[in-house]
């Protein structure tokens, strides 16, 4: 089994209308809007957002490890090479797109850059496993928020009963 980043997903990421709808009204189940860039930066810098993302990613990697226990292919061992491929092939193309969209909003800050690198890497790598392990709802919703032109920037509430904060 040789897992790869899905070229269609990577093309989708490269073609997104990055942050083009930030600050505009939206309707999205499981999400609530923040009012301004300052609130977006506060949310994206919060421990709650980081911990929630890590919890959901941890759930996925636990499932992946359990799947690998009985497998000769050990798909969990492909995570790091997939992450490295994303960093080498796609980050350098994505970052200028993010910068162009976020600078006018006053959001091209280190915390936002670090979050985008980490979150989008997680989305891309988890997506690479979709043929053997279903992509969790959390990550599908996160991708849909980026596709809508918004910036997911935090989490309100507990992990399983909370909602995305979005600018």
N, C-alpha and C. Protein backbone atom coordinates (compact mmCIF):
# COMPACT_ATOMS: atom_id res chain seq x y z
N UNK A 1 0.85 -1.19 0.00
CA UNK A 1 0.00 0.00 0.00
C UNK A 1 0.89 1.24 0.00
N UNK A 2 0.73 2.03 -1.03
CA UNK A 2 1.51 3.26 -1.13
C UNK A 2 0.54 4.43 -1.17
N UNK A 3 0.34 5.04 -0.02
CA UNK A 3 -0.59 6.17 0.06
C UNK A 3 0.07 7.42 -0.50
N UNK A 4 -0.77 8.26 -1.11
CA UNK A 4 -0.29 9.51 -1.67
C UNK A 4 -1.29 10.62 -1.37
N UNK A 5 -0.78 11.83 -1.35
CA UNK A 5 -1.68 12.97 -1.25
C UNK A 5 -2.54 12.97 -2.50
N UNK A 6 -3.83 13.20 -2.33
CA UNK A 6 -4.75 13.17 -3.46
C UNK A 6 -4.53 14.41 -4.33
N UNK A 7 -4.14 14.21 -5.61
CA UNK A 7 -3.88 15.37 -6.48
C UNK A 7 -5.11 16.27 -6.64
N UNK A 8 -6.29 15.70 -6.64
CA UNK A 8 -7.51 16.50 -6.76
C UNK A 8 -7.68 17.39 -5.53
N UNK A 9 -7.44 16.84 -4.37
CA UNK A 9 -7.53 17.63 -3.14
C UNK A 9 -6.49 18.74 -3.14
N UNK A 10 -5.28 18.42 -3.59
CA UNK A 10 -4.22 19.43 -3.62
C UNK A 10 -4.56 20.54 -4.61
N UNK A 11 -5.12 20.18 -5.76
CA UNK A 11 -5.55 21.20 -6.73
C UNK A 11 -6.68 22.05 -6.15
N UNK A 12 -7.58 21.40 -5.42
CA UNK A 12 -8.66 22.15 -4.77
C UNK A 12 -8.08 23.17 -3.80
N UNK A 13 -7.12 22.75 -2.98
CA UNK A 13 -6.50 23.68 -2.04
C UNK A 13 -5.83 24.85 -2.76
N UNK A 14 -5.13 24.56 -3.84
CA UNK A 14 -4.43 25.62 -4.57
C UNK A 14 -5.40 26.58 -5.26
N UNK A 15 -6.61 26.12 -5.54
CA UNK A 15 -7.57 26.96 -6.24
C UNK A 15 -8.64 27.60 -5.37
N UNK A 16 -8.53 27.45 -4.06
CA UNK A 16 -9.56 28.00 -3.17
C UNK A 16 -9.58 29.53 -3.21
N UNK A 17 -10.76 30.09 -2.94
CA UNK A 17 -10.85 31.56 -2.80
C UNK A 17 -10.43 31.95 -1.38
N UNK A 18 -9.17 31.76 -1.07
CA UNK A 18 -8.68 31.90 0.30
C UNK A 18 -9.12 33.20 0.95
N UNK A 19 -9.90 33.05 2.01
CA UNK A 19 -10.31 34.13 2.91
C UNK A 19 -11.05 35.27 2.23
N UNK A 20 -11.62 34.99 1.08
CA UNK A 20 -12.32 36.02 0.31
C UNK A 20 -13.65 36.42 0.94
N UNK A 21 -14.16 35.63 1.86
CA UNK A 21 -15.45 35.94 2.49
C UNK A 21 -15.30 36.27 3.97
N UNK A 22 -14.08 36.50 4.42
CA UNK A 22 -13.87 36.83 5.84
C UNK A 22 -14.66 38.08 6.21
N UNK A 23 -15.36 37.99 7.32
CA UNK A 23 -16.15 39.12 7.80
C UNK A 23 -17.54 39.21 7.20
N UNK A 24 -17.83 38.41 6.20
CA UNK A 24 -19.16 38.42 5.59
C UNK A 24 -20.08 37.46 6.34
N UNK A 25 -21.38 37.76 6.34
CA UNK A 25 -22.32 36.86 7.00
C UNK A 25 -22.31 35.47 6.34
N UNK A 26 -22.58 34.45 7.13
CA UNK A 26 -22.62 33.11 6.58
C UNK A 26 -23.55 32.24 7.41
N UNK A 27 -23.99 31.17 6.80
CA UNK A 27 -24.78 30.16 7.48
C UNK A 27 -24.04 28.85 7.32
N UNK A 28 -23.60 28.28 8.44
CA UNK A 28 -22.88 27.02 8.39
C UNK A 28 -23.21 26.27 9.68
N UNK A 29 -23.75 25.06 9.55
CA UNK A 29 -24.08 24.32 10.77
C UNK A 29 -22.81 24.00 11.57
N UNK A 30 -22.89 24.18 12.86
CA UNK A 30 -21.75 23.88 13.72
C UNK A 30 -20.68 24.95 13.72
N UNK A 31 -21.06 26.19 13.35
CA UNK A 31 -20.09 27.28 13.33
C UNK A 31 -20.76 28.58 13.72
N UNK A 32 -19.99 29.46 14.35
CA UNK A 32 -20.48 30.80 14.65
C UNK A 32 -19.40 31.81 14.29
N UNK A 33 -19.85 32.98 13.90
CA UNK A 33 -18.94 34.02 13.42
C UNK A 33 -18.28 34.78 14.55
N UNK A 34 -17.04 35.19 14.31
CA UNK A 34 -16.39 36.18 15.17
C UNK A 34 -16.57 37.52 14.46
N UNK A 35 -16.48 38.60 15.22
CA UNK A 35 -16.86 39.92 14.69
C UNK A 35 -15.79 40.60 13.85
N UNK A 36 -14.52 40.34 14.16
CA UNK A 36 -13.47 41.14 13.51
C UNK A 36 -12.14 40.39 13.53
N UNK A 37 -11.13 40.94 12.85
CA UNK A 37 -9.82 40.28 12.81
C UNK A 37 -9.20 40.09 14.20
N UNK A 38 -9.43 41.02 15.11
CA UNK A 38 -8.87 40.90 16.46
C UNK A 38 -9.42 39.65 17.15
N UNK A 39 -10.73 39.41 17.03
CA UNK A 39 -11.33 38.21 17.61
C UNK A 39 -10.84 36.94 16.90
N UNK A 40 -10.64 37.04 15.59
CA UNK A 40 -10.12 35.89 14.84
C UNK A 40 -8.73 35.53 15.33
N UNK A 41 -7.88 36.54 15.52
CA UNK A 41 -6.52 36.30 15.98
C UNK A 41 -6.52 35.72 17.40
N UNK A 42 -7.41 36.23 18.24
CA UNK A 42 -7.52 35.72 19.62
C UNK A 42 -7.92 34.23 19.59
N UNK A 43 -8.90 33.88 18.76
CA UNK A 43 -9.36 32.50 18.69
C UNK A 43 -8.32 31.56 18.12
N UNK A 44 -7.65 32.00 17.07
CA UNK A 44 -6.68 31.14 16.40
C UNK A 44 -5.44 30.93 17.27
N UNK A 45 -5.20 31.84 18.20
CA UNK A 45 -4.06 31.75 19.10
C UNK A 45 -4.39 30.99 20.39
N UNK A 46 -5.65 30.61 20.54
CA UNK A 46 -6.08 30.04 21.82
C UNK A 46 -5.68 28.58 22.00
N UNK A 47 -5.44 28.22 23.24
CA UNK A 47 -5.14 26.83 23.58
C UNK A 47 -6.34 25.93 23.28
N UNK A 48 -7.56 26.46 23.45
CA UNK A 48 -8.75 25.65 23.18
C UNK A 48 -8.78 25.20 21.71
N UNK A 49 -8.47 26.09 20.79
CA UNK A 49 -8.47 25.74 19.37
C UNK A 49 -7.39 24.70 19.08
N UNK A 50 -6.20 24.95 19.58
CA UNK A 50 -5.11 24.02 19.35
C UNK A 50 -5.43 22.65 19.95
N UNK A 51 -5.91 22.64 21.18
CA UNK A 51 -6.21 21.37 21.85
C UNK A 51 -7.35 20.62 21.17
N UNK A 52 -8.36 21.35 20.72
CA UNK A 52 -9.49 20.70 20.05
C UNK A 52 -9.03 20.06 18.75
N UNK A 53 -8.24 20.80 17.96
CA UNK A 53 -7.71 20.24 16.72
C UNK A 53 -6.87 19.00 17.02
N UNK A 54 -5.99 19.11 18.00
CA UNK A 54 -5.13 17.98 18.36
C UNK A 54 -5.94 16.77 18.85
N UNK A 55 -7.01 17.04 19.59
CA UNK A 55 -7.87 15.93 20.06
C UNK A 55 -8.51 15.20 18.89
N UNK A 56 -9.05 15.95 17.93
CA UNK A 56 -9.68 15.31 16.77
C UNK A 56 -8.63 14.59 15.91
N UNK A 57 -7.48 15.21 15.75
CA UNK A 57 -6.43 14.54 14.99
C UNK A 57 -5.94 13.29 15.71
N UNK A 58 -5.85 13.37 17.02
CA UNK A 58 -5.45 12.22 17.82
C UNK A 58 -6.43 11.07 17.71
N UNK A 59 -7.72 11.39 17.67
CA UNK A 59 -8.74 10.35 17.46
C UNK A 59 -8.50 9.64 16.13
N UNK A 60 -8.18 10.41 15.10
CA UNK A 60 -7.94 9.83 13.79
C UNK A 60 -6.69 8.95 13.81
N UNK A 61 -5.61 9.45 14.38
CA UNK A 61 -4.38 8.67 14.38
C UNK A 61 -4.50 7.42 15.25
N UNK A 62 -5.31 7.49 16.30
CA UNK A 62 -5.58 6.29 17.10
C UNK A 62 -6.28 5.24 16.25
N UNK A 63 -7.30 5.66 15.50
CA UNK A 63 -8.00 4.74 14.60
C UNK A 63 -7.04 4.17 13.56
N UNK A 64 -6.16 5.01 13.06
CA UNK A 64 -5.18 4.58 12.07
C UNK A 64 -4.22 3.55 12.66
N UNK A 65 -3.77 3.78 13.87
CA UNK A 65 -2.87 2.82 14.53
C UNK A 65 -3.57 1.50 14.78
N UNK A 66 -4.83 1.56 15.21
CA UNK A 66 -5.59 0.32 15.44
C UNK A 66 -5.74 -0.45 14.13
N UNK A 67 -5.98 0.27 13.04
CA UNK A 67 -6.09 -0.36 11.72
C UNK A 67 -4.76 -1.00 11.31
N UNK A 68 -3.66 -0.37 11.70
CA UNK A 68 -2.34 -0.85 11.31
C UNK A 68 -1.90 -2.09 12.09
N UNK A 69 -2.47 -2.30 13.26
CA UNK A 69 -2.05 -3.43 14.10
C UNK A 69 -2.16 -4.75 13.35
N UNK A 70 -3.28 -4.94 12.65
CA UNK A 70 -3.46 -6.20 11.94
C UNK A 70 -3.05 -6.16 10.49
N UNK A 71 -2.34 -5.12 10.09
CA UNK A 71 -2.02 -4.94 8.67
C UNK A 71 -0.52 -5.10 8.42
N UNK A 72 -0.19 -5.82 7.36
CA UNK A 72 1.22 -5.94 6.97
C UNK A 72 1.74 -4.63 6.41
N UNK A 73 0.85 -3.84 5.80
CA UNK A 73 1.28 -2.60 5.15
C UNK A 73 1.61 -1.48 6.14
N UNK A 74 1.06 -1.53 7.34
CA UNK A 74 1.30 -0.51 8.36
C UNK A 74 1.07 0.91 7.83
N UNK A 75 -0.17 1.23 7.44
CA UNK A 75 -0.42 2.56 6.85
C UNK A 75 -0.09 3.72 7.78
N UNK A 76 -0.08 3.49 9.08
CA UNK A 76 0.26 4.58 10.00
C UNK A 76 1.69 5.07 9.79
N UNK A 77 2.55 4.23 9.27
CA UNK A 77 3.95 4.61 9.06
C UNK A 77 4.14 5.53 7.85
N UNK A 78 3.07 5.77 7.12
CA UNK A 78 3.17 6.65 5.96
C UNK A 78 2.82 8.10 6.30
N UNK A 79 2.39 8.36 7.54
CA UNK A 79 2.00 9.72 7.95
C UNK A 79 3.14 10.70 7.72
N UNK A 80 4.32 10.41 8.26
CA UNK A 80 5.43 11.35 8.17
C UNK A 80 5.88 11.61 6.73
N UNK A 81 6.01 10.57 5.89
CA UNK A 81 6.35 10.87 4.49
C UNK A 81 5.27 11.71 3.78
N UNK A 82 4.01 11.48 4.09
CA UNK A 82 2.93 12.29 3.50
C UNK A 82 3.04 13.73 3.98
N UNK A 83 3.30 13.92 5.26
CA UNK A 83 3.46 15.27 5.81
C UNK A 83 4.65 15.98 5.16
N UNK A 84 5.74 15.25 4.99
CA UNK A 84 6.92 15.84 4.36
C UNK A 84 6.64 16.24 2.91
N UNK A 85 5.91 15.38 2.21
CA UNK A 85 5.55 15.71 0.83
C UNK A 85 4.70 16.97 0.76
N UNK A 86 3.74 17.10 1.68
CA UNK A 86 2.90 18.29 1.70
C UNK A 86 3.76 19.53 1.92
N UNK A 87 4.66 19.45 2.88
CA UNK A 87 5.53 20.61 3.18
C UNK A 87 6.40 20.98 1.98
N UNK A 88 6.98 19.97 1.35
CA UNK A 88 7.92 20.22 0.25
C UNK A 88 7.23 20.66 -1.04
N UNK A 89 6.09 20.08 -1.36
CA UNK A 89 5.46 20.34 -2.66
C UNK A 89 4.39 21.42 -2.64
N UNK A 90 3.72 21.63 -1.51
CA UNK A 90 2.53 22.47 -1.55
C UNK A 90 2.58 23.72 -0.68
N UNK A 91 3.29 23.68 0.43
CA UNK A 91 3.29 24.85 1.31
C UNK A 91 3.83 26.10 0.63
N UNK A 92 4.88 25.95 -0.16
CA UNK A 92 5.47 27.13 -0.81
C UNK A 92 4.53 27.75 -1.83
N UNK A 93 3.60 26.96 -2.36
CA UNK A 93 2.61 27.50 -3.30
C UNK A 93 1.41 28.08 -2.55
N UNK A 94 1.08 27.52 -1.40
CA UNK A 94 -0.09 27.99 -0.64
C UNK A 94 0.19 29.28 0.14
N UNK A 95 1.36 29.38 0.72
CA UNK A 95 1.63 30.51 1.60
C UNK A 95 1.48 31.88 0.92
N UNK A 96 1.94 32.07 -0.33
CA UNK A 96 1.71 33.38 -0.98
C UNK A 96 0.21 33.67 -1.18
N UNK A 97 -0.58 32.63 -1.43
CA UNK A 97 -2.02 32.83 -1.58
C UNK A 97 -2.63 33.29 -0.27
N UNK A 98 -2.21 32.67 0.82
CA UNK A 98 -2.70 33.05 2.14
C UNK A 98 -2.27 34.48 2.48
N UNK A 99 -1.01 34.77 2.21
CA UNK A 99 -0.48 36.11 2.53
C UNK A 99 -1.23 37.20 1.77
N UNK A 100 -1.45 36.95 0.48
CA UNK A 100 -2.14 37.95 -0.36
C UNK A 100 -3.54 38.24 0.18
N UNK A 101 -4.21 37.21 0.69
CA UNK A 101 -5.58 37.40 1.19
C UNK A 101 -5.62 37.92 2.62
N UNK A 102 -4.64 37.55 3.43
CA UNK A 102 -4.69 37.90 4.86
C UNK A 102 -4.05 39.24 5.20
N UNK A 103 -3.06 39.67 4.42
CA UNK A 103 -2.42 40.96 4.71
C UNK A 103 -3.41 42.11 4.73
N UNK A 104 -4.30 42.22 3.72
CA UNK A 104 -5.26 43.34 3.76
C UNK A 104 -6.21 43.28 4.96
N UNK A 105 -6.39 42.11 5.53
CA UNK A 105 -7.27 41.95 6.69
C UNK A 105 -6.52 42.20 8.00
N UNK A 106 -5.21 42.39 7.91
CA UNK A 106 -4.40 42.55 9.11
C UNK A 106 -4.19 41.24 9.85
N UNK A 107 -4.29 40.13 9.13
CA UNK A 107 -4.20 38.82 9.77
C UNK A 107 -3.00 37.99 9.31
N UNK A 108 -2.03 38.61 8.64
CA UNK A 108 -0.85 37.85 8.25
C UNK A 108 0.13 37.89 9.42
N UNK A 109 -0.27 37.23 10.49
CA UNK A 109 0.48 37.17 11.74
C UNK A 109 1.07 35.78 11.91
N UNK A 110 2.13 35.67 12.69
CA UNK A 110 2.80 34.38 12.90
C UNK A 110 1.83 33.32 13.40
N UNK A 111 0.97 33.67 14.35
CA UNK A 111 0.02 32.69 14.90
C UNK A 111 -0.90 32.13 13.81
N UNK A 112 -1.34 32.98 12.91
CA UNK A 112 -2.23 32.55 11.82
C UNK A 112 -1.44 31.69 10.84
N UNK A 113 -0.24 32.12 10.49
CA UNK A 113 0.59 31.35 9.56
C UNK A 113 0.88 29.95 10.12
N UNK A 114 1.27 29.89 11.38
CA UNK A 114 1.56 28.60 12.01
C UNK A 114 0.32 27.71 12.04
N UNK A 115 -0.82 28.29 12.36
CA UNK A 115 -2.07 27.53 12.40
C UNK A 115 -2.42 26.98 11.02
N UNK A 116 -2.33 27.81 10.01
CA UNK A 116 -2.66 27.36 8.66
C UNK A 116 -1.74 26.23 8.21
N UNK A 117 -0.45 26.38 8.46
CA UNK A 117 0.48 25.32 8.08
C UNK A 117 0.11 24.00 8.75
N UNK A 118 -0.17 24.05 10.03
CA UNK A 118 -0.46 22.85 10.81
C UNK A 118 -1.81 22.23 10.46
N UNK A 119 -2.84 23.07 10.38
CA UNK A 119 -4.20 22.58 10.11
C UNK A 119 -4.31 22.04 8.69
N UNK A 120 -3.78 22.76 7.71
CA UNK A 120 -3.90 22.30 6.33
C UNK A 120 -3.05 21.06 6.07
N UNK A 121 -1.93 20.94 6.74
CA UNK A 121 -1.14 19.71 6.66
C UNK A 121 -1.99 18.55 7.19
N UNK A 122 -2.64 18.75 8.34
CA UNK A 122 -3.50 17.70 8.90
C UNK A 122 -4.62 17.31 7.96
N UNK A 123 -5.28 18.29 7.37
CA UNK A 123 -6.37 18.01 6.43
C UNK A 123 -5.85 17.21 5.24
N UNK A 124 -4.73 17.63 4.67
CA UNK A 124 -4.18 16.97 3.47
C UNK A 124 -3.76 15.53 3.77
N UNK A 125 -3.10 15.31 4.89
CA UNK A 125 -2.62 13.97 5.22
C UNK A 125 -3.80 13.06 5.57
N UNK A 126 -4.73 13.54 6.37
CA UNK A 126 -5.90 12.73 6.71
C UNK A 126 -6.68 12.37 5.45
N UNK A 127 -6.77 13.30 4.53
CA UNK A 127 -7.45 13.05 3.26
C UNK A 127 -6.78 11.92 2.47
N UNK A 128 -5.47 11.79 2.60
CA UNK A 128 -4.74 10.75 1.87
C UNK A 128 -5.15 9.35 2.33
N UNK A 129 -5.72 9.25 3.50
CA UNK A 129 -6.13 7.95 4.05
C UNK A 129 -7.60 7.61 3.76
N UNK A 130 -8.29 8.47 3.02
CA UNK A 130 -9.75 8.33 2.88
C UNK A 130 -10.21 7.01 2.27
N UNK A 131 -9.35 6.33 1.52
CA UNK A 131 -9.74 5.05 0.94
C UNK A 131 -9.73 3.91 1.96
N UNK A 132 -9.01 4.11 3.06
CA UNK A 132 -8.95 3.03 4.05
C UNK A 132 -9.55 3.42 5.40
N UNK A 133 -9.77 4.72 5.62
CA UNK A 133 -10.33 5.20 6.88
C UNK A 133 -11.14 6.47 6.59
N UNK A 134 -12.39 6.45 6.97
CA UNK A 134 -13.27 7.59 6.67
C UNK A 134 -12.74 8.89 7.27
N UNK A 135 -12.80 9.94 6.49
CA UNK A 135 -12.40 11.25 6.98
C UNK A 135 -13.42 11.72 8.01
N UNK A 136 -12.97 12.03 9.22
CA UNK A 136 -13.91 12.47 10.26
C UNK A 136 -14.65 13.75 9.87
N UNK A 137 -15.86 13.88 10.39
CA UNK A 137 -16.71 15.04 10.12
C UNK A 137 -15.98 16.35 10.43
N UNK A 138 -15.28 16.40 11.53
CA UNK A 138 -14.56 17.61 11.93
C UNK A 138 -13.69 18.12 10.78
N UNK A 139 -12.94 17.23 10.14
CA UNK A 139 -12.01 17.64 9.08
C UNK A 139 -12.76 17.96 7.78
N UNK A 140 -13.85 17.28 7.52
CA UNK A 140 -14.66 17.62 6.34
C UNK A 140 -15.28 19.01 6.52
N UNK A 141 -15.76 19.30 7.73
CA UNK A 141 -16.34 20.63 7.99
C UNK A 141 -15.27 21.71 7.91
N UNK A 142 -14.11 21.42 8.44
CA UNK A 142 -13.01 22.39 8.40
C UNK A 142 -12.67 22.73 6.95
N UNK A 143 -12.56 21.72 6.12
CA UNK A 143 -12.27 21.93 4.69
C UNK A 143 -13.38 22.75 4.04
N UNK A 144 -14.62 22.44 4.37
CA UNK A 144 -15.75 23.19 3.79
C UNK A 144 -15.70 24.67 4.20
N UNK A 145 -15.26 24.95 5.41
CA UNK A 145 -15.15 26.34 5.84
C UNK A 145 -14.08 27.08 5.04
N UNK A 146 -12.95 26.44 4.82
CA UNK A 146 -11.93 27.06 3.96
C UNK A 146 -12.47 27.25 2.54
N UNK A 147 -13.18 26.24 2.02
CA UNK A 147 -13.73 26.34 0.67
C UNK A 147 -14.73 27.48 0.55
N UNK A 148 -15.38 27.83 1.64
CA UNK A 148 -16.37 28.91 1.61
C UNK A 148 -15.73 30.29 1.63
N UNK A 149 -14.40 30.35 1.73
CA UNK A 149 -13.71 31.64 1.75
C UNK A 149 -13.54 32.23 3.13
N UNK A 150 -13.86 31.46 4.16
CA UNK A 150 -13.75 31.94 5.54
C UNK A 150 -12.50 31.39 6.21
N UNK A 151 -12.20 31.92 7.38
CA UNK A 151 -11.06 31.49 8.18
C UNK A 151 -11.57 30.82 9.46
N UNK A 152 -11.49 29.50 9.54
CA UNK A 152 -11.79 28.85 10.82
C UNK A 152 -10.73 29.32 11.82
N UNK A 153 -11.17 29.83 12.96
CA UNK A 153 -10.20 30.49 13.84
C UNK A 153 -10.40 30.17 15.31
N UNK A 154 -11.10 29.10 15.60
CA UNK A 154 -11.24 28.76 17.01
C UNK A 154 -12.34 27.75 17.23
N UNK A 155 -12.54 27.46 18.51
CA UNK A 155 -13.55 26.49 18.92
C UNK A 155 -14.21 27.01 20.18
N UNK A 156 -15.52 26.92 20.22
CA UNK A 156 -16.28 27.34 21.40
C UNK A 156 -16.95 26.11 21.97
N UNK A 157 -16.78 25.90 23.27
CA UNK A 157 -17.43 24.78 23.93
C UNK A 157 -16.51 23.58 24.07
N UNK A 158 -17.09 22.50 24.52
CA UNK A 158 -16.34 21.26 24.69
C UNK A 158 -16.14 20.59 23.34
N UNK A 159 -15.19 19.67 23.29
CA UNK A 159 -14.83 19.02 22.02
C UNK A 159 -16.04 18.46 21.29
N UNK A 160 -16.83 17.65 21.95
CA UNK A 160 -17.93 16.96 21.27
C UNK A 160 -19.24 17.74 21.24
N UNK A 161 -19.29 18.87 21.92
CA UNK A 161 -20.53 19.66 21.93
C UNK A 161 -20.26 21.11 21.61
N UNK A 162 -19.18 21.36 20.91
CA UNK A 162 -18.82 22.73 20.61
C UNK A 162 -19.06 23.07 19.16
N UNK A 163 -18.52 24.22 18.76
CA UNK A 163 -18.66 24.65 17.37
C UNK A 163 -17.43 25.45 16.96
N UNK A 164 -17.22 25.52 15.66
CA UNK A 164 -16.14 26.31 15.09
C UNK A 164 -16.41 27.79 15.29
N UNK A 165 -15.36 28.55 15.51
CA UNK A 165 -15.41 30.00 15.42
C UNK A 165 -14.82 30.33 14.05
N UNK A 166 -15.48 31.24 13.35
CA UNK A 166 -15.12 31.50 11.96
C UNK A 166 -15.15 32.99 11.69
N UNK A 167 -14.14 33.44 10.93
CA UNK A 167 -14.13 34.82 10.47
C UNK A 167 -14.32 34.84 8.97
